[in-house]
PDB file of all heavy atoms in Angstrom:
ATOM      1  N   PHE A   1      44.207  -9.904  -4.360  1.00  0.00           N
ATOM      2  CA  PHE A   1      43.002  -9.547  -3.511  1.00  0.00           C
ATOM      3  C   PHE A   1      41.850 -10.597  -3.814  1.00  0.00           C
ATOM      4  O   PHE A   1      41.603 -10.924  -4.982  1.00  0.00           O
ATOM      5  CB  PHE A   1      42.568  -8.179  -3.940  1.00  0.00           C
ATOM      6  CG  PHE A   1      41.384  -7.614  -3.138  1.00  0.00           C
ATOM      7  CD1 PHE A   1      41.757  -6.905  -1.961  1.00  0.00           C
ATOM      8  CD2 PHE A   1      40.074  -7.877  -3.404  1.00  0.00           C
ATOM      9  CE1 PHE A   1      40.738  -6.366  -1.158  1.00  0.00           C
ATOM     10  CE2 PHE A   1      39.142  -7.275  -2.625  1.00  0.00           C
ATOM     11  CZ  PHE A   1      39.440  -6.577  -1.466  1.00  0.00           C
ATOM     12  N   CYS A   2      41.418 -11.157  -2.591  1.00  0.00           N
ATOM     13  CA  CYS A   2      40.303 -12.092  -2.845  1.00  0.00           C
ATOM     14  C   CYS A   2      39.317 -11.968  -1.659  1.00  0.00           C
ATOM     15  O   CYS A   2      38.613 -12.942  -1.300  1.00  0.00           O
ATOM     16  CB  CYS A   2      40.875 -13.509  -2.802  1.00  0.00           C
ATOM     17  SG  CYS A   2      41.866 -13.945  -1.391  1.00  0.00           S
ATOM     18  N   THR A   3      39.133 -10.819  -1.078  1.00  0.00           N
ATOM     19  CA  THR A   3      38.307 -10.487   0.035  1.00  0.00           C
ATOM     20  C   THR A   3      36.848 -10.248  -0.434  1.00  0.00           C
ATOM     21  O   THR A   3      36.625  -9.590  -1.415  1.00  0.00           O
ATOM     22  CB  THR A   3      38.751  -9.380   0.910  1.00  0.00           C
ATOM     23  OG1 THR A   3      40.133  -9.665   1.316  1.00  0.00           O
ATOM     24  CG2 THR A   3      37.995  -9.253   2.199  1.00  0.00           C
ATOM     25  N   ASP A   4      35.909 -10.714   0.416  1.00  0.00           N
ATOM     26  CA  ASP A   4      34.497 -10.372   0.085  1.00  0.00           C
ATOM     27  C   ASP A   4      34.186  -8.850   0.582  1.00  0.00           C
ATOM     28  O   ASP A   4      34.239  -8.510   1.712  1.00  0.00           O
ATOM     29  CB  ASP A   4      33.534 -11.285   0.888  1.00  0.00           C
ATOM     30  CG  ASP A   4      32.106 -11.120   0.534  1.00  0.00           C
ATOM     31  OD1 ASP A   4      31.730 -10.022  -0.032  1.00  0.00           O
ATOM     32  OD2 ASP A   4      31.285 -11.969   0.793  1.00  0.00           O
ATOM     33  N   VAL A   5      33.934  -8.048  -0.477  1.00  0.00           N
ATOM     34  CA  VAL A   5      33.739  -6.640  -0.134  1.00  0.00           C
ATOM     35  C   VAL A   5      32.383  -6.103  -0.723  1.00  0.00           C
ATOM     36  O   VAL A   5      32.333  -4.864  -0.978  1.00  0.00           O
ATOM     37  CB  VAL A   5      34.886  -5.802  -0.695  1.00  0.00           C
ATOM     38  CG1 VAL A   5      36.161  -6.054   0.026  1.00  0.00           C
ATOM     39  CG2 VAL A   5      35.182  -6.105  -2.179  1.00  0.00           C
ATOM     40  N   TYR A   6      31.491  -6.947  -0.855  1.00  0.00           N
ATOM     41  CA  TYR A   6      30.183  -6.516  -1.381  1.00  0.00           C
ATOM     42  C   TYR A   6      29.554  -5.365  -0.524  1.00  0.00           C
ATOM     43  O   TYR A   6      29.754  -5.408   0.853  1.00  0.00           O
ATOM     44  CB  TYR A   6      29.169  -7.621  -1.462  1.00  0.00           C
ATOM     45  CG  TYR A   6      29.580  -8.705  -2.525  1.00  0.00           C
ATOM     46  CD1 TYR A   6      29.811  -9.995  -2.150  1.00  0.00           C
ATOM     47  CD2 TYR A   6      29.605  -8.238  -3.842  1.00  0.00           C
ATOM     48  CE1 TYR A   6      30.110 -10.893  -3.147  1.00  0.00           C
ATOM     49  CE2 TYR A   6      30.038  -9.172  -4.844  1.00  0.00           C
ATOM     50  CZ  TYR A   6      30.265 -10.483  -4.425  1.00  0.00           C
ATOM     51  OH  TYR A   6      30.556 -11.363  -5.400  1.00  0.00           O
ATOM     52  N   ASP A   7      28.975  -4.378  -1.090  1.00  0.00           N
ATOM     53  CA  ASP A   7      28.296  -3.218  -0.395  1.00  0.00           C
ATOM     54  C   ASP A   7      29.311  -2.202   0.203  1.00  0.00           C
ATOM     55  O   ASP A   7      28.829  -1.197   0.678  1.00  0.00           O
ATOM     56  CB  ASP A   7      27.445  -3.638   0.756  1.00  0.00           C
ATOM     57  CG  ASP A   7      26.165  -4.552   0.213  1.00  0.00           C
ATOM     58  OD1 ASP A   7      25.720  -4.159  -0.927  1.00  0.00           O
ATOM     59  OD2 ASP A   7      25.702  -5.372   0.887  1.00  0.00           O
ATOM     60  N   LYS A   8      30.568  -2.441   0.037  1.00  0.00           N
ATOM     61  CA  LYS A   8      31.655  -1.373   0.445  1.00  0.00           C
ATOM     62  C   LYS A   8      31.861  -0.421  -0.781  1.00  0.00           C
ATOM     63  O   LYS A   8      31.417  -0.712  -1.958  1.00  0.00           O
ATOM     64  CB  LYS A   8      32.856  -2.015   0.824  1.00  0.00           C
ATOM     65  CG  LYS A   8      32.767  -2.866   2.127  1.00  0.00           C
ATOM     66  CD  LYS A   8      34.120  -3.354   2.595  1.00  0.00           C
ATOM     67  CE  LYS A   8      34.059  -3.996   3.964  1.00  0.00           C
ATOM     68  NZ  LYS A   8      35.280  -4.339   4.555  1.00  0.00           N
ATOM     69  N   THR A   9      32.288   0.761  -0.490  1.00  0.00           N
ATOM     70  CA  THR A   9      32.556   1.673  -1.560  1.00  0.00           C
ATOM     71  C   THR A   9      33.916   1.642  -1.961  1.00  0.00           C
ATOM     72  O   THR A   9      34.978   1.591  -1.220  1.00  0.00           O
ATOM     73  CB  THR A   9      32.193   3.115  -0.995  1.00  0.00           C
ATOM     74  OG1 THR A   9      30.742   3.171  -0.708  1.00  0.00           O
ATOM     75  CG2 THR A   9      32.590   4.127  -2.070  1.00  0.00           C
ATOM     76  N   ALA A  10      34.168   1.635  -3.368  1.00  0.00           N
ATOM     77  CA  ALA A  10      35.458   1.574  -3.909  1.00  0.00           C
ATOM     78  C   ALA A  10      35.609   2.856  -4.927  1.00  0.00           C
ATOM     79  O   ALA A  10      34.674   3.206  -5.393  1.00  0.00           O
ATOM     80  CB  ALA A  10      35.685   0.305  -4.622  1.00  0.00           C
ATOM     81  N   ARG A  11      36.793   3.224  -4.992  1.00  0.00           N
ATOM     82  CA  ARG A  11      37.248   4.175  -6.019  1.00  0.00           C
ATOM     83  C   ARG A  11      38.123   3.555  -7.119  1.00  0.00           C
ATOM     84  O   ARG A  11      39.162   3.086  -6.642  1.00  0.00           O
ATOM     85  CB  ARG A  11      37.855   5.482  -5.302  1.00  0.00           C
ATOM     86  CG  ARG A  11      38.345   6.571  -6.240  1.00  0.00           C
ATOM     87  CD  ARG A  11      38.712   7.671  -5.405  1.00  0.00           C
ATOM     88  NE  ARG A  11      39.481   8.734  -6.163  1.00  0.00           N
ATOM     89  CZ  ARG A  11      39.549   9.941  -5.650  1.00  0.00           C
ATOM     90  NH1 ARG A  11      38.954  10.374  -4.566  1.00  0.00           N
ATOM     91  NH2 ARG A  11      40.231  10.934  -6.376  1.00  0.00           N
ATOM     92  N   VAL A  12      37.768   3.612  -8.277  1.00  0.00           N
ATOM     93  CA  VAL A  12      38.539   3.007  -9.380  1.00  0.00           C
ATOM     94  C   VAL A  12      38.986   4.036 -10.357  1.00  0.00           C
ATOM     95  O   VAL A  12      38.352   4.798 -10.931  1.00  0.00           O
ATOM     96  CB  VAL A  12      37.732   1.936 -10.162  1.00  0.00           C
ATOM     97  CG1 VAL A  12      38.504   1.367 -11.316  1.00  0.00           C
ATOM     98  CG2 VAL A  12      37.217   0.839  -9.332  1.00  0.00           C
ATOM     99  N   GLU A  13      40.451   4.213 -10.222  1.00  0.00           N
ATOM    100  CA  GLU A  13      41.013   5.235 -11.115  1.00  0.00           C
ATOM    101  C   GLU A  13      41.515   4.686 -12.373  1.00  0.00           C
ATOM    102  O   GLU A  13      42.247   3.603 -12.367  1.00  0.00           O
ATOM    103  CB  GLU A  13      42.133   5.956 -10.381  1.00  0.00           C
ATOM    104  CG  GLU A  13      41.782   6.674  -9.162  1.00  0.00           C
ATOM    105  CD  GLU A  13      42.934   7.389  -8.422  1.00  0.00           C
ATOM    106  OE1 GLU A  13      44.100   7.027  -8.721  1.00  0.00           O
ATOM    107  OE2 GLU A  13      42.738   8.272  -7.556  1.00  0.00           O
ATOM    108  N   LEU A  14      41.265   5.212 -13.514  1.00  0.00           N
ATOM    109  CA  LEU A  14      41.712   4.695 -14.847  1.00  0.00           C
ATOM    110  C   LEU A  14      43.014   5.415 -15.173  1.00  0.00           C
ATOM    111  O   LEU A  14      43.083   6.674 -15.204  1.00  0.00           O
ATOM    112  CB  LEU A  14      40.684   4.932 -15.860  1.00  0.00           C
ATOM    113  CG  LEU A  14      39.237   4.337 -15.634  1.00  0.00           C
ATOM    114  CD1 LEU A  14      38.347   4.427 -16.922  1.00  0.00           C
ATOM    115  CD2 LEU A  14      39.313   2.818 -15.168  1.00  0.00           C
ATOM    116  N   LEU A  15      44.054   4.577 -15.495  1.00  0.00           N
ATOM    117  CA  LEU A  15      45.368   5.201 -15.651  1.00  0.00           C
ATOM    118  C   LEU A  15      45.820   5.069 -17.252  1.00  0.00           C
ATOM    119  O   LEU A  15      46.496   5.948 -17.647  1.00  0.00           O
ATOM    120  CB  LEU A  15      46.429   4.390 -14.858  1.00  0.00           C
ATOM    121  CG  LEU A  15      46.220   4.392 -13.319  1.00  0.00           C
ATOM    122  CD1 LEU A  15      47.208   3.629 -12.645  1.00  0.00           C
ATOM    123  CD2 LEU A  15      46.022   5.757 -12.792  1.00  0.00           C
ATOM    124  N   HIS A  16      45.355   3.996 -17.874  1.00  0.00           N
ATOM    125  CA  HIS A  16      45.838   3.779 -19.206  1.00  0.00           C
ATOM    126  C   HIS A  16      44.949   2.887 -20.045  1.00  0.00           C
ATOM    127  O   HIS A  16      44.442   1.808 -19.421  1.00  0.00           O
ATOM    128  CB  HIS A  16      47.321   3.075 -19.160  1.00  0.00           C
ATOM    129  CG  HIS A  16      47.852   2.714 -20.448  1.00  0.00           C
ATOM    130  ND1 HIS A  16      48.369   3.576 -21.309  1.00  0.00           N
ATOM    131  CD2 HIS A  16      48.065   1.409 -20.994  1.00  0.00           C
ATOM    132  CE1 HIS A  16      48.766   2.912 -22.463  1.00  0.00           C
ATOM    133  NE2 HIS A  16      48.617   1.605 -22.178  1.00  0.00           N
ATOM    134  N   PHE A  17      44.707   3.217 -21.201  1.00  0.00           N
ATOM    135  CA  PHE A  17      43.821   2.289 -22.008  1.00  0.00           C
ATOM    136  C   PHE A  17      44.503   1.094 -22.657  1.00  0.00           C
ATOM    137  O   PHE A  17      45.698   1.415 -23.316  1.00  0.00           O
ATOM    138  CB  PHE A  17      43.214   3.182 -23.149  1.00  0.00           C
ATOM    139  CG  PHE A  17      42.369   2.418 -24.094  1.00  0.00           C
ATOM    140  CD1 PHE A  17      40.995   2.065 -23.790  1.00  0.00           C
ATOM    141  CD2 PHE A  17      42.826   2.136 -25.407  1.00  0.00           C
ATOM    142  CE1 PHE A  17      40.238   1.324 -24.639  1.00  0.00           C
ATOM    143  CE2 PHE A  17      41.937   1.420 -26.309  1.00  0.00           C
ATOM    144  CZ  PHE A  17      40.681   0.987 -25.945  1.00  0.00           C
ATOM    145  N   GLU A  18      44.156  -0.034 -22.513  1.00  0.00           N
ATOM    146  CA  GLU A  18      44.846  -1.205 -23.052  1.00  0.00           C
ATOM    147  C   GLU A  18      44.288  -1.548 -24.436  1.00  0.00           C
ATOM    148  O   GLU A  18      44.916  -1.659 -25.448  1.00  0.00           O
ATOM    149  CB  GLU A  18      44.894  -2.399 -22.165  1.00  0.00           C
ATOM    150  CG  GLU A  18      45.677  -3.552 -22.679  1.00  0.00           C
ATOM    151  CD  GLU A  18      45.379  -4.854 -22.053  1.00  0.00           C
ATOM    152  OE1 GLU A  18      44.731  -4.861 -21.047  1.00  0.00           O
ATOM    153  OE2 GLU A  18      45.666  -5.939 -22.604  1.00  0.00           O
ATOM    154  N   ARG A  19      42.974  -1.896 -24.420  1.00  0.00           N
ATOM    155  CA  ARG A  19      42.347  -2.406 -25.600  1.00  0.00           C
ATOM    156  C   ARG A  19      40.811  -2.188 -25.529  1.00  0.00           C
ATOM    157  O   ARG A  19      40.288  -1.951 -24.447  1.00  0.00           O
ATOM    158  CB  ARG A  19      42.596  -3.935 -25.779  1.00  0.00           C
ATOM    159  CG  ARG A  19      41.991  -4.732 -24.652  1.00  0.00           C
ATOM    160  CD  ARG A  19      42.029  -6.386 -24.998  1.00  0.00           C
ATOM    161  NE  ARG A  19      41.460  -6.999 -23.829  1.00  0.00           N
ATOM    162  CZ  ARG A  19      40.145  -7.361 -23.657  1.00  0.00           C
ATOM    163  NH1 ARG A  19      39.307  -6.796 -24.482  1.00  0.00           N
ATOM    164  NH2 ARG A  19      39.773  -8.038 -22.604  1.00  0.00           N
ATOM    165  N   PRO A  20      40.125  -2.155 -26.627  1.00  0.00           N
ATOM    166  CA  PRO A  20      38.669  -2.021 -26.726  1.00  0.00           C
ATOM    167  C   PRO A  20      37.978  -3.323 -26.158  1.00  0.00           C
ATOM    168  O   PRO A  20      38.601  -4.353 -26.193  1.00  0.00           O
ATOM    169  CB  PRO A  20      38.278  -1.814 -28.193  1.00  0.00           C
ATOM    170  CG  PRO A  20      39.423  -2.455 -28.958  1.00  0.00           C
ATOM    171  CD  PRO A  20      40.637  -2.287 -28.070  1.00  0.00           C
ATOM    172  N   GLU A  21      36.840  -3.094 -25.785  1.00  0.00           N
ATOM    173  CA  GLU A  21      35.960  -4.286 -25.347  1.00  0.00           C
ATOM    174  C   GLU A  21      35.684  -5.208 -26.469  1.00  0.00           C
ATOM    175  O   GLU A  21      35.409  -4.703 -27.592  1.00  0.00           O
ATOM    176  CB  GLU A  21      34.675  -3.849 -24.655  1.00  0.00           C
ATOM    177  CG  GLU A  21      33.878  -4.987 -24.031  1.00  0.00           C
ATOM    178  CD  GLU A  21      32.652  -4.519 -23.377  1.00  0.00           C
ATOM    179  OE1 GLU A  21      31.835  -3.740 -23.946  1.00  0.00           O
ATOM    180  OE2 GLU A  21      32.562  -4.978 -22.157  1.00  0.00           O
ATOM    181  N   MET A  22      35.800  -6.453 -26.383  1.00  0.00           N
ATOM    182  CA  MET A  22      35.620  -7.412 -27.364  1.00  0.00           C
ATOM    183  C   MET A  22      34.713  -8.552 -27.002  1.00  0.00           C
ATOM    184  O   MET A  22      34.649  -8.874 -25.815  1.00  0.00           O
ATOM    185  CB  MET A  22      36.956  -8.071 -27.818  1.00  0.00           C
ATOM    186  CG  MET A  22      37.956  -7.097 -28.311  1.00  0.00           C
ATOM    187  SD  MET A  22      39.507  -7.777 -28.877  1.00  0.00           S
ATOM    188  CE  MET A  22      40.215  -8.278 -27.326  1.00  0.00           C
ATOM    189  N   LYS A  23      34.007  -9.091 -28.003  1.00  0.00           N
ATOM    190  CA  LYS A  23      33.177 -10.268 -27.733  1.00  0.00           C
ATOM    191  C   LYS A  23      34.049 -11.489 -28.140  1.00  0.00           C
ATOM    192  O   LYS A  23      34.407 -11.586 -29.263  1.00  0.00           O
ATOM    193  CB  LYS A  23      31.846 -10.159 -28.501  1.00  0.00           C
ATOM    194  CG  LYS A  23      30.898 -11.283 -28.213  1.00  0.00           C
ATOM    195  CD  LYS A  23      29.536 -11.195 -28.867  1.00  0.00           C
ATOM    196  CE  LYS A  23      28.660 -12.301 -28.606  1.00  0.00           C
ATOM    197  NZ  LYS A  23      27.303 -12.162 -29.079  1.00  0.00           N
ATOM    198  N   PHE A  24      34.114 -12.586 -27.342  1.00  0.00           N
ATOM    199  CA  PHE A  24      34.864 -13.801 -27.647  1.00  0.00           C
ATOM    200  C   PHE A  24      33.910 -14.811 -27.877  1.00  0.00           C
ATOM    201  O   PHE A  24      32.734 -14.886 -27.509  1.00  0.00           O
ATOM    202  CB  PHE A  24      35.749 -14.153 -26.495  1.00  0.00           C
ATOM    203  CG  PHE A  24      36.769 -13.015 -26.144  1.00  0.00           C
ATOM    204  CD1 PHE A  24      36.643 -12.035 -25.195  1.00  0.00           C
ATOM    205  CD2 PHE A  24      37.878 -12.968 -26.837  1.00  0.00           C
ATOM    206  CE1 PHE A  24      37.441 -11.070 -24.890  1.00  0.00           C
ATOM    207  CE2 PHE A  24      38.926 -12.015 -26.627  1.00  0.00           C
ATOM    208  CZ  PHE A  24      38.639 -10.977 -25.603  1.00  0.00           C
ATOM    209  N   GLU A  25      34.328 -15.856 -28.670  1.00  0.00           N
ATOM    210  CA  GLU A  25      33.459 -17.030 -29.075  1.00  0.00           C
ATOM    211  C   GLU A  25      33.089 -17.755 -27.872  1.00  0.00           C
ATOM    212  O   GLU A  25      32.070 -18.514 -27.891  1.00  0.00           O
ATOM    213  CB  GLU A  25      34.264 -17.880 -30.143  1.00  0.00           C
ATOM    214  CG  GLU A  25      34.307 -17.054 -31.477  1.00  0.00           C
ATOM    215  CD  GLU A  25      35.051 -17.974 -32.493  1.00  0.00           C
ATOM    216  OE1 GLU A  25      35.270 -19.203 -32.168  1.00  0.00           O
ATOM    217  OE2 GLU A  25      35.280 -17.503 -33.616  1.00  0.00           O
ATOM    218  N   GLY A  26      33.912 -17.826 -26.810  1.00  0.00           N
ATOM    219  CA  GLY A  26      33.563 -18.657 -25.651  1.00  0.00           C
ATOM    220  C   GLY A  26      34.446 -18.229 -24.420  1.00  0.00           C
ATOM    221  O   GLY A  26      35.301 -17.374 -24.537  1.00  0.00           O
ATOM    222  N   ILE A  27      34.128 -18.900 -23.333  1.00  0.00           N
ATOM    223  CA  ILE A  27      34.840 -18.581 -22.091  1.00  0.00           C
ATOM    224  C   ILE A  27      36.310 -18.882 -22.130  1.00  0.00           C
ATOM    225  O   ILE A  27      37.100 -18.107 -21.610  1.00  0.00           O
ATOM    226  CB  ILE A  27      34.164 -19.381 -20.997  1.00  0.00           C
ATOM    227  CG1 ILE A  27      32.714 -18.972 -20.674  1.00  0.00           C
ATOM    228  CG2 ILE A  27      35.009 -19.193 -19.666  1.00  0.00           C
ATOM    229  CD1 ILE A  27      32.599 -17.596 -20.297  1.00  0.00           C
ATOM    230  N   GLU A  28      36.742 -19.886 -22.851  1.00  0.00           N
ATOM    231  CA  GLU A  28      38.163 -20.210 -22.935  1.00  0.00           C
ATOM    232  C   GLU A  28      38.927 -19.136 -23.636  1.00  0.00           C
ATOM    233  O   GLU A  28      39.984 -18.720 -23.178  1.00  0.00           O
ATOM    234  CB  GLU A  28      38.426 -21.538 -23.640  1.00  0.00           C
ATOM    235  CG  GLU A  28      38.012 -22.804 -22.832  1.00  0.00           C
ATOM    236  CD  GLU A  28      38.635 -22.769 -21.469  1.00  0.00           C
ATOM    237  OE1 GLU A  28      39.812 -22.638 -21.421  1.00  0.00           O
ATOM    238  OE2 GLU A  28      37.936 -23.058 -20.473  1.00  0.00           O
ATOM    239  N   GLN A  29      38.418 -18.469 -24.637  1.00  0.00           N
ATOM    240  CA  GLN A  29      39.014 -17.439 -25.315  1.00  0.00           C
ATOM    241  C   GLN A  29      39.095 -16.183 -24.370  1.00  0.00           C
ATOM    242  O   GLN A  29      40.081 -15.446 -24.389  1.00  0.00           O
ATOM    243  CB  GLN A  29      38.373 -16.943 -26.681  1.00  0.00           C
ATOM    244  CG  GLN A  29      38.764 -17.901 -27.815  1.00  0.00           C
ATOM    245  CD  GLN A  29      38.244 -17.313 -29.070  1.00  0.00           C
ATOM    246  OE1 GLN A  29      37.463 -16.332 -29.138  1.00  0.00           O
ATOM    247  NE2 GLN A  29      38.722 -17.893 -30.209  1.00  0.00           N
ATOM    248  N   LEU A  30      38.008 -15.898 -23.655  1.00  0.00           N
ATOM    249  CA  LEU A  30      37.986 -14.849 -22.676  1.00  0.00           C
ATOM    250  C   LEU A  30      39.053 -15.107 -21.591  1.00  0.00           C
ATOM    251  O   LEU A  30      39.721 -14.057 -21.263  1.00  0.00           O
ATOM    252  CB  LEU A  30      36.632 -14.818 -21.955  1.00  0.00           C
ATOM    253  CG  LEU A  30      36.426 -13.857 -20.874  1.00  0.00           C
ATOM    254  CD1 LEU A  30      36.634 -12.336 -21.477  1.00  0.00           C
ATOM    255  CD2 LEU A  30      35.001 -13.935 -20.243  1.00  0.00           C
ATOM    256  N   LYS A  31      39.204 -16.225 -21.016  1.00  0.00           N
ATOM    257  CA  LYS A  31      40.229 -16.606 -20.090  1.00  0.00           C
ATOM    258  C   LYS A  31      41.593 -16.249 -20.640  1.00  0.00           C
ATOM    259  O   LYS A  31      42.450 -15.695 -19.849  1.00  0.00           O
ATOM    260  CB  LYS A  31      40.176 -18.059 -19.615  1.00  0.00           C
ATOM    261  CG  LYS A  31      38.960 -18.414 -18.770  1.00  0.00           C
ATOM    262  CD  LYS A  31      38.807 -19.791 -18.469  1.00  0.00           C
ATOM    263  CE  LYS A  31      39.900 -20.459 -17.709  1.00  0.00           C
ATOM    264  NZ  LYS A  31      39.693 -21.858 -17.344  1.00  0.00           N
ATOM    265  N   LEU A  32      41.908 -16.672 -21.793  1.00  0.00           N
ATOM    266  CA  LEU A  32      43.228 -16.388 -22.397  1.00  0.00           C
ATOM    267  C   LEU A  32      43.509 -14.892 -22.486  1.00  0.00           C
ATOM    268  O   LEU A  32      44.592 -14.443 -22.108  1.00  0.00           O
ATOM    269  CB  LEU A  32      43.326 -17.060 -23.767  1.00  0.00           C
ATOM    270  CG  LEU A  32      43.417 -18.557 -23.830  1.00  0.00           C
ATOM    271  CD1 LEU A  32      43.438 -19.022 -25.266  1.00  0.00           C
ATOM    272  CD2 LEU A  32      44.755 -19.067 -23.199  1.00  0.00           C
ATOM    273  N   GLN A  33      42.566 -14.224 -22.920  1.00  0.00           N
ATOM    274  CA  GLN A  33      42.701 -12.679 -23.002  1.00  0.00           C
ATOM    275  C   GLN A  33      42.749 -12.051 -21.701  1.00  0.00           C
ATOM    276  O   GLN A  33      43.632 -11.143 -21.453  1.00  0.00           O
ATOM    277  CB  GLN A  33      41.489 -12.045 -23.874  1.00  0.00           C
ATOM    278  CG  GLN A  33      41.651 -10.601 -24.173  1.00  0.00           C
ATOM    279  CD  GLN A  33      42.957 -10.254 -24.904  1.00  0.00           C
ATOM    280  OE1 GLN A  33      43.134 -10.782 -25.928  1.00  0.00           O
ATOM    281  NE2 GLN A  33      43.695  -9.400 -24.352  1.00  0.00           N
ATOM    282  N   LEU A  34      42.003 -12.528 -20.661  1.00  0.00           N
ATOM    283  CA  LEU A  34      42.117 -11.921 -19.318  1.00  0.00           C
ATOM    284  C   LEU A  34      43.509 -12.114 -18.789  1.00  0.00           C
ATOM    285  O   LEU A  34      44.067 -11.228 -18.163  1.00  0.00           O
ATOM    286  CB  LEU A  34      41.045 -12.573 -18.485  1.00  0.00           C
ATOM    287  CG  LEU A  34      39.683 -12.150 -18.612  1.00  0.00           C
ATOM    288  CD1 LEU A  34      38.713 -12.893 -17.779  1.00  0.00           C
ATOM    289  CD2 LEU A  34      39.499 -10.700 -18.335  1.00  0.00           C
ATOM    290  N   ALA A  35      44.063 -13.309 -18.992  1.00  0.00           N
ATOM    291  CA  ALA A  35      45.431 -13.524 -18.605  1.00  0.00           C
ATOM    292  C   ALA A  35      46.412 -12.538 -19.187  1.00  0.00           C
ATOM    293  O   ALA A  35      47.289 -12.101 -18.520  1.00  0.00           O
ATOM    294  CB  ALA A  35      45.878 -15.019 -18.949  1.00  0.00           C
ATOM    295  N   LYS A  36      46.214 -12.247 -20.500  1.00  0.00           N
ATOM    296  CA  LYS A  36      47.107 -11.386 -21.187  1.00  0.00           C
ATOM    297  C   LYS A  36      46.926  -9.943 -20.587  1.00  0.00           C
ATOM    298  O   LYS A  36      47.921  -9.188 -20.361  1.00  0.00           O
ATOM    299  CB  LYS A  36      46.847 -11.309 -22.650  1.00  0.00           C
ATOM    300  CG  LYS A  36      47.149 -12.647 -23.380  1.00  0.00           C
ATOM    301  CD  LYS A  36      46.830 -12.492 -24.794  1.00  0.00           C
ATOM    302  CE  LYS A  36      47.162 -13.806 -25.539  1.00  0.00           C
ATOM    303  NZ  LYS A  36      46.776 -13.754 -26.963  1.00  0.00           N
ATOM    304  N   ASP A  37      45.631  -9.596 -20.352  1.00  0.00           N
ATOM    305  CA  ASP A  37      45.360  -8.258 -19.780  1.00  0.00           C
ATOM    306  C   ASP A  37      45.963  -8.062 -18.344  1.00  0.00           C
ATOM    307  O   ASP A  37      46.598  -7.034 -18.161  1.00  0.00           O
ATOM    308  CB  ASP A  37      43.875  -8.048 -19.639  1.00  0.00           C
ATOM    309  CG  ASP A  37      43.082  -8.030 -20.894  1.00  0.00           C
ATOM    310  OD1 ASP A  37      43.744  -7.721 -21.990  1.00  0.00           O
ATOM    311  OD2 ASP A  37      41.943  -8.312 -20.981  1.00  0.00           O
TER     312      ASP A  37
END
């Protein structure tokens, strides 16, 4: 999905907990974790 949908209404259902929110040392570490997520 890559459509511009600002100001539209969305419903986000949570199905499963993967991991707690974490603070990373930098953007590169964040990118690696996002890819895993």
